[in-house]
Amino acid sequence: MAENRRIDEADFESTGYSYTLSLISGKYKPIILYCLMEYEPVRFNEMQRYIKKIADKTLSQNLKELEADDLIHREVYPQIPPKVEYSLTERGRSLVEVLDKLCDWGIENRR
C-alpha cells in the first residue's frame, strides 16, 4: 500500500498492474489463458467449444493478440487438413500463479 502519496501526482498507466491488465484484460483473454493452463495443447475448435458463445473472428483476434504479446504459442502442423495447436509460452506460464490466485479467490468468495 502506498503511504503519503498524492493521487494527483500518480500515473496509473506507468504501473505494473496497468501493464499486466493491458495484456490479459478483456472478456476472453483470461478464459483462453485459463483453458491453456488446464488443458494445453488445445486446438481452435476445442477452445471454441470450451468457451461456448464466442465468434470465430473474436477467438482468432484474441489468440493473435496473446501470441503477439508472447503469452501463447501457435504450432502449425503441415498436414491436410491443417492442424493448429495453442499452448502457453514460458512468459505465459509465468502468469499461472496470478491466474491460480484469481481462481482461489473465486472459490473462497463464491456465493
C-alpha atoms as a PDB file:
ATOM      1  CA  MET A   1       0.000   0.000   0.000  1.00  0.00           C
ATOM      2  CA  ALA A   2       1.142   3.498  -0.758  1.00  0.00           C
ATOM      3  CA  GLU A   3       1.512   5.869   2.127  1.00  0.00           C
ATOM      4  CA  ASN A   4       1.634   9.653   1.955  1.00  0.00           C
ATOM      5  CA  ARG A   5       1.382   9.658  -1.809  1.00  0.00           C
ATOM      6  CA  ARG A   6      -0.697  12.140  -3.742  1.00  0.00           C
ATOM      7  CA  ILE A   7      -3.154  10.826  -6.295  1.00  0.00           C
ATOM      8  CA  ASP A   8      -2.851  13.970  -8.395  1.00  0.00           C
ATOM      9  CA  GLU A   9       0.808  13.057  -8.953  1.00  0.00           C
ATOM     10  CA  ALA A  10       0.073   9.429  -9.763  1.00  0.00           C
ATOM     11  CA  ASP A  11       0.197   7.841 -13.213  1.00  0.00           C
ATOM     12  CA  PHE A  12      -1.732   4.572 -13.321  1.00  0.00           C
ATOM     13  CA  GLU A  13      -0.513   3.750 -16.835  1.00  0.00           C
ATOM     14  CA  SER A  14       3.081   3.520 -15.577  1.00  0.00           C
ATOM     15  CA  THR A  15       2.278   0.799 -13.028  1.00  0.00           C
ATOM     16  CA  GLY A  16       2.962  -2.908 -13.354  1.00  0.00           C
ATOM     17  CA  TYR A  17      -0.709  -3.523 -12.639  1.00  0.00           C
ATOM     18  CA  SER A  18      -1.702  -1.465 -15.674  1.00  0.00           C
ATOM     19  CA  TYR A  19       0.785  -3.304 -17.876  1.00  0.00           C
ATOM     20  CA  THR A  20      -0.442  -6.733 -16.733  1.00  0.00           C
ATOM     21  CA  LEU A  21      -4.063  -5.750 -17.335  1.00  0.00           C
ATOM     22  CA  SER A  22      -3.195  -4.475 -20.805  1.00  0.00           C
ATOM     23  CA  LEU A  23      -2.037  -7.998 -21.691  1.00  0.00           C
ATOM     24  CA  ILE A  24      -4.746 -10.114 -20.067  1.00  0.00           C
ATOM     25  CA  SER A  25      -7.828  -7.921 -19.799  1.00  0.00           C
ATOM     26  CA  GLY A  26     -10.960  -8.373 -21.819  1.00  0.00           C
ATOM     27  CA  LYS A  27     -13.816 -10.801 -21.833  1.00  0.00           C
ATOM     28  CA  TYR A  28     -11.961 -13.784 -23.310  1.00  0.00           C
ATOM     29  CA  LYS A  29      -8.204 -13.500 -22.750  1.00  0.00           C
ATOM     30  CA  PRO A  30      -8.296 -14.703 -19.129  1.00  0.00           C
ATOM     31  CA  ILE A  31     -10.524 -17.618 -20.192  1.00  0.00           C
ATOM     32  CA  ILE A  32      -8.151 -18.554 -23.024  1.00  0.00           C
ATOM     33  CA  LEU A  33      -5.167 -18.433 -20.661  1.00  0.00           C
ATOM     34  CA  TYR A  34      -7.022 -20.498 -18.061  1.00  0.00           C
ATOM     35  CA  CYS A  35      -8.019 -23.052 -20.694  1.00  0.00           C
ATOM     36  CA  LEU A  36      -4.409 -23.427 -21.827  1.00  0.00           C
ATOM     37  CA  MET A  37      -3.209 -23.562 -18.236  1.00  0.00           C
ATOM     38  CA  GLU A  38      -5.508 -26.511 -17.572  1.00  0.00           C
ATOM     39  CA  TYR A  39      -5.589 -28.397 -20.887  1.00  0.00           C
ATOM     40  CA  GLU A  40      -2.700 -27.443 -23.197  1.00  0.00           C
ATOM     41  CA  PRO A  41      -2.165 -28.039 -26.007  1.00  0.00           C
ATOM     42  CA  VAL A  42      -5.588 -27.021 -27.272  1.00  0.00           C
ATOM     43  CA  ARG A  43      -6.895 -26.784 -30.826  1.00  0.00           C
ATOM     44  CA  PHE A  44      -9.008 -23.854 -32.033  1.00  0.00           C
ATOM     45  CA  ASN A  45     -12.284 -25.812 -32.165  1.00  0.00           C
ATOM     46  CA  GLU A  46     -11.694 -27.335 -28.733  1.00  0.00           C
ATOM     47  CA  MET A  47     -11.180 -23.884 -27.267  1.00  0.00           C
ATOM     48  CA  GLN A  48     -14.276 -22.585 -29.013  1.00  0.00           C
ATOM     49  CA  ARG A  49     -16.337 -25.425 -27.505  1.00  0.00           C
ATOM     50  CA  TYR A  50     -14.795 -24.747 -24.073  1.00  0.00           C
ATOM     51  CA  ILE A  51     -15.618 -21.027 -24.158  1.00  0.00           C
ATOM     52  CA  LYS A  52     -19.014 -21.706 -25.780  1.00  0.00           C
ATOM     53  CA  LYS A  53     -20.505 -18.456 -27.120  1.00  0.00           C
ATOM     54  CA  ILE A  54     -17.561 -16.893 -28.933  1.00  0.00           C
ATOM     55  CA  ALA A  55     -17.380 -15.995 -32.610  1.00  0.00           C
ATOM     56  CA  ASP A  56     -14.577 -17.419 -34.761  1.00  0.00           C
ATOM     57  CA  LYS A  57     -13.324 -13.912 -35.505  1.00  0.00           C
ATOM     58  CA  THR A  58     -13.289 -12.902 -31.825  1.00  0.00           C
ATOM     59  CA  LEU A  59     -11.416 -16.013 -30.732  1.00  0.00           C
ATOM     60  CA  SER A  60      -8.974 -15.653 -33.606  1.00  0.00           C
ATOM     61  CA  GLN A  61      -8.294 -11.997 -32.753  1.00  0.00           C
ATOM     62  CA  ASN A  62      -7.741 -12.744 -29.058  1.00  0.00           C
ATOM     63  CA  LEU A  63      -5.383 -15.613 -29.892  1.00  0.00           C
ATOM     64  CA  LYS A  64      -3.406 -13.374 -32.265  1.00  0.00           C
ATOM     65  CA  GLU A  65      -3.067 -10.688 -29.591  1.00  0.00           C
ATOM     66  CA  LEU A  66      -1.936 -13.190 -26.950  1.00  0.00           C
ATOM     67  CA  GLU A  67       0.562 -14.624 -29.429  1.00  0.00           C
ATOM     68  CA  ALA A  68       1.863 -11.136 -30.302  1.00  0.00           C
ATOM     69  CA  ASP A  69       2.376 -10.487 -26.581  1.00  0.00           C
ATOM     70  CA  ASP A  70       4.337 -13.767 -26.327  1.00  0.00           C
ATOM     71  CA  LEU A  71       1.888 -15.328 -23.870  1.00  0.00           C
ATOM     72  CA  ILE A  72       0.842 -18.202 -26.123  1.00  0.00           C
ATOM     73  CA  HIS A  73       2.476 -20.229 -28.872  1.00  0.00           C
ATOM     74  CA  ARG A  74       0.722 -21.263 -32.083  1.00  0.00           C
ATOM     75  CA  GLU A  75       2.019 -24.518 -33.573  1.00  0.00           C
ATOM     76  CA  VAL A  76       1.001 -25.247 -37.153  1.00  0.00           C
ATOM     77  CA  TYR A  77       1.414 -28.819 -38.376  1.00  0.00           C
ATOM     78  CA  PRO A  78       1.951 -29.248 -42.127  1.00  0.00           C
ATOM     79  CA  GLN A  79      -0.814 -31.693 -42.925  1.00  0.00           C
ATOM     80  CA  ILE A  80      -4.158 -31.865 -44.665  1.00  0.00           C
ATOM     81  CA  PRO A  81      -6.483 -30.820 -43.135  1.00  0.00           C
ATOM     82  CA  PRO A  82      -4.364 -28.222 -41.303  1.00  0.00           C
ATOM     83  CA  LYS A  83      -3.777 -28.818 -37.614  1.00  0.00           C
ATOM     84  CA  VAL A  84      -3.061 -25.901 -35.274  1.00  0.00           C
ATOM     85  CA  GLU A  85      -2.474 -26.169 -31.528  1.00  0.00           C
ATOM     86  CA  TYR A  86      -2.061 -23.477 -28.910  1.00  0.00           C
ATOM     87  CA  SER A  87      -0.023 -23.653 -25.718  1.00  0.00           C
ATOM     88  CA  LEU A  88       1.437 -21.283 -23.157  1.00  0.00           C
ATOM     89  CA  THR A  89       4.893 -19.840 -23.663  1.00  0.00           C
ATOM     90  CA  GLU A  90       7.294 -19.539 -20.733  1.00  0.00           C
ATOM     91  CA  ARG A  91       6.111 -15.961 -20.362  1.00  0.00           C
ATOM     92  CA  GLY A  92       2.506 -17.200 -20.360  1.00  0.00           C
ATOM     93  CA  ARG A  93       3.343 -19.857 -17.770  1.00  0.00           C
ATOM     94  CA  SER A  94       4.686 -17.113 -15.518  1.00  0.00           C
ATOM     95  CA  LEU A  95       1.053 -15.896 -15.232  1.00  0.00           C
ATOM     96  CA  VAL A  96      -0.170 -19.238 -13.860  1.00  0.00           C
ATOM     97  CA  GLU A  97       0.417 -18.153 -10.255  1.00  0.00           C
ATOM     98  CA  VAL A  98      -1.609 -14.982 -10.855  1.00  0.00           C
ATOM     99  CA  LEU A  99      -4.453 -16.928 -12.507  1.00  0.00           C
ATOM    100  CA  ASP A 100      -4.365 -19.511  -9.696  1.00  0.00           C
ATOM    101  CA  LYS A 101      -4.799 -16.710  -7.136  1.00  0.00           C
ATOM    102  CA  LEU A 102      -7.840 -15.418  -9.030  1.00  0.00           C
ATOM    103  CA  CYS A 103      -9.259 -18.939  -9.031  1.00  0.00           C
ATOM    104  CA  ASP A 104      -8.571 -19.368  -5.288  1.00  0.00           C
ATOM    105  CA  TRP A 105     -10.284 -16.063  -4.539  1.00  0.00           C
ATOM    106  CA  GLY A 106     -13.317 -17.124  -6.577  1.00  0.00           C
ATOM    107  CA  ILE A 107     -13.570 -20.446  -4.743  1.00  0.00           C
ATOM    108  CA  GLU A 108     -13.281 -18.774  -1.348  1.00  0.00           C
ATOM    109  CA  ASN A 109     -15.749 -15.979  -2.121  1.00  0.00           C
ATOM    110  CA  ARG A 110     -18.331 -17.648  -4.348  1.00  0.00           C
ATOM    111  CA  ARG A 111     -21.875 -17.178  -3.107  1.00  0.00           C
END
